[in-house]
Amino acid sequence: MKSKNFKNWNKKSGKLLFDHIVFHTKYNRPMLANYIGVKAKTIICNILKDFNCEAIEINVQPNHVHLLFSYPPTIAPSDVVKRVKNMSSTSLRKQFPELVKKCPKALWSSYVHHMSVGHDMKSIKIYIQTQNKHHKNRY
């Protein structure tokens, strides 16, 4: 999933930062099931590429998204999160009118869990990968 811009930037700087974020749908409603969740994953990855960031691991659950991503130190992670949430909400609501009926103003809640990642990246990746098993009986 690496873009050419990301590779070039990485070679020049040699430094990347990593963050794990979790953001929920508005009112914690399960709206990202099946094909909408698959599309959400693609959209989020593309938005990250546009900002010289990369999705390392992503897991879309019906009511929330876990995202581990890398970014250059020239970008504030809060700006990345705002853009990902804003642009993905707009795009998904345009493509799936049923989402507009459920959430007329925005797809995502204002809450975001944010954690910088260091040496424990492997455990975070495993945690994100196992979210389907963790939430198996909830939806």
Protein backbone atom coordinates (compact mmCIF):
# COMPACT_ATOMS: atom_id res chain seq x y z
CA MET A 1 0.00 0.00 0.00
CA LYS A 2 2.97 2.32 -0.18
CA SER A 3 2.69 5.21 -2.59
CA LYS A 4 5.66 6.58 -4.52
CA ASN A 5 5.52 9.83 -2.52
CA PHE A 6 5.63 7.88 0.73
CA LYS A 7 8.66 5.85 -0.40
CA ASN A 8 10.51 8.96 -1.56
CA TRP A 9 9.77 10.83 1.64
CA ASN A 10 10.85 7.86 3.75
CA LYS A 11 14.19 7.56 1.97
CA LYS A 12 14.95 11.26 2.39
CA SER A 13 14.10 11.58 6.07
CA GLY A 14 14.69 8.18 7.57
CA LYS A 15 12.13 8.92 10.32
CA LEU A 16 8.52 7.89 10.64
CA LEU A 17 6.05 8.03 13.51
CA PHE A 18 3.35 5.49 14.22
CA ASP A 19 -0.06 5.92 15.83
CA HIS A 20 -3.01 3.70 16.65
CA ILE A 21 -6.41 5.37 16.56
CA VAL A 22 -9.92 4.11 17.15
CA PHE A 23 -12.92 6.10 16.02
CA HIS A 24 -16.61 5.23 16.26
CA THR A 25 -19.65 5.82 14.11
CA LYS A 26 -22.10 8.46 15.27
CA TYR A 27 -24.16 7.21 18.21
CA ASN A 28 -22.07 4.01 18.03
CA ARG A 29 -24.48 2.63 15.42
CA PRO A 30 -23.40 -0.50 13.49
CA MET A 31 -23.30 1.03 10.00
CA LEU A 32 -20.06 -0.32 8.53
CA ALA A 33 -21.01 -3.94 7.97
CA ASN A 34 -20.21 -5.89 4.81
CA TYR A 35 -19.62 -3.90 1.61
CA ILE A 36 -19.75 -0.51 3.36
CA GLY A 37 -16.96 -1.61 5.70
CA VAL A 38 -14.86 -2.87 2.78
CA LYS A 39 -15.33 0.43 0.97
CA ALA A 40 -14.52 2.39 4.15
CA LYS A 41 -11.20 0.54 4.43
CA THR A 42 -10.27 1.38 0.83
CA ILE A 43 -11.26 5.03 1.21
CA ILE A 44 -9.31 5.46 4.46
CA CYS A 45 -6.17 3.89 2.95
CA ASN A 46 -6.40 6.19 -0.08
CA ILE A 47 -6.85 9.29 2.07
CA LEU A 48 -3.76 8.37 4.06
CA LYS A 49 -1.72 7.95 0.87
CA ASP A 50 -2.73 11.44 -0.23
CA PHE A 51 -1.08 12.84 2.91
CA ASN A 52 2.14 10.80 2.70
CA CYS A 53 0.89 8.45 5.39
CA GLU A 54 0.42 4.70 5.24
CA ALA A 55 -2.07 2.30 6.79
CA ILE A 56 0.01 -0.39 8.48
CA GLU A 57 -3.02 -2.24 9.81
CA ILE A 58 -6.72 -1.43 9.59
CA ASN A 59 -9.77 -3.25 10.89
CA VAL A 60 -13.27 -1.98 10.24
CA GLN A 61 -15.94 -3.19 12.64
CA PRO A 62 -19.65 -2.39 12.20
CA ASN A 63 -19.47 0.54 14.63
CA HIS A 64 -15.78 1.53 14.78
CA VAL A 65 -12.42 1.51 13.01
CA HIS A 66 -9.00 0.53 14.36
CA LEU A 67 -6.18 2.11 12.38
CA LEU A 68 -2.43 1.77 12.83
CA PHE A 69 -0.69 4.20 10.52
CA SER A 70 2.68 5.77 9.87
CA TYR A 71 3.25 9.43 9.15
CA PRO A 72 6.14 11.85 8.72
CA PRO A 73 7.04 14.13 11.64
CA THR A 74 6.04 17.14 9.54
CA ILE A 75 2.35 16.23 9.91
CA ALA A 76 0.35 16.44 13.14
CA PRO A 77 -1.50 13.18 13.79
CA SER A 78 -4.58 15.15 14.85
CA ASP A 79 -4.66 16.71 11.35
CA VAL A 80 -4.46 13.27 9.77
CA VAL A 81 -7.34 12.02 11.93
CA LYS A 82 -9.50 15.08 11.13
CA ARG A 83 -8.92 14.64 7.42
CA VAL A 84 -9.51 10.89 7.46
CA LYS A 85 -12.78 11.27 9.37
CA ASN A 86 -14.02 14.26 7.37
CA MET A 87 -13.14 12.95 3.91
CA SER A 88 -14.24 9.36 4.55
CA SER A 89 -17.55 10.55 6.01
CA THR A 90 -18.23 12.69 2.96
CA SER A 91 -17.24 9.98 0.51
CA LEU A 92 -19.14 7.14 2.19
CA ARG A 93 -22.30 9.19 2.65
CA LYS A 94 -22.23 10.15 -1.04
CA GLN A 95 -21.84 6.54 -2.13
CA PHE A 96 -24.32 5.05 0.34
CA PRO A 97 -27.46 7.22 0.79
CA GLU A 98 -28.70 4.92 3.56
CA LEU A 99 -25.93 6.35 5.75
CA VAL A 100 -27.32 9.86 5.31
CA LYS A 101 -30.67 8.66 6.64
CA LYS A 102 -29.02 7.22 9.76
CA CYS A 103 -26.60 10.13 10.31
CA PRO A 104 -27.63 13.29 8.47
CA LYS A 105 -24.70 15.48 9.56
CA ALA A 106 -21.68 13.22 10.02
CA LEU A 107 -20.79 9.55 9.95
CA TRP A 108 -18.24 9.64 12.79
CA SER A 109 -18.62 10.62 16.42
CA SER A 110 -16.35 13.34 17.77
CA TYR A 111 -14.59 10.86 20.08
CA VAL A 112 -11.21 9.43 18.99
CA HIS A 113 -8.95 7.15 20.99
CA HIS A 114 -5.36 8.00 20.06
CA MET A 115 -2.17 6.25 21.07
CA SER A 116 1.38 6.77 19.86
CA VAL A 117 3.12 3.50 19.08
CA GLY A 118 6.76 2.66 19.71
CA HIS A 119 8.40 -0.68 20.36
CA ASP A 120 5.09 -2.47 20.89
CA MET A 121 4.02 -2.24 17.23
CA LYS A 122 3.86 -6.02 16.79
CA SER A 123 1.42 -6.41 19.68
CA ILE A 124 -0.73 -3.53 18.37
CA LYS A 125 -0.86 -5.14 14.91
CA ILE A 126 -1.97 -8.44 16.45
CA TYR A 127 -4.55 -6.64 18.58
CA ILE A 128 -6.03 -4.92 15.50
CA GLN A 129 -5.95 -8.13 13.43
CA THR A 130 -7.87 -10.04 16.11
CA GLN A 131 -10.71 -7.53 16.46
CA ASN A 132 -13.03 -9.71 14.35
CA LYS A 133 -12.62 -12.53 16.87
CA HIS A 134 -12.95 -10.13 19.80
CA HIS A 135 -16.23 -8.67 18.48
CA LYS A 136 -17.54 -11.91 16.96
CA ASN A 137 -20.69 -12.17 19.08
CA ARG A 138 -21.51 -8.47 19.30
CA TYR A 139 -22.87 -7.78 15.83
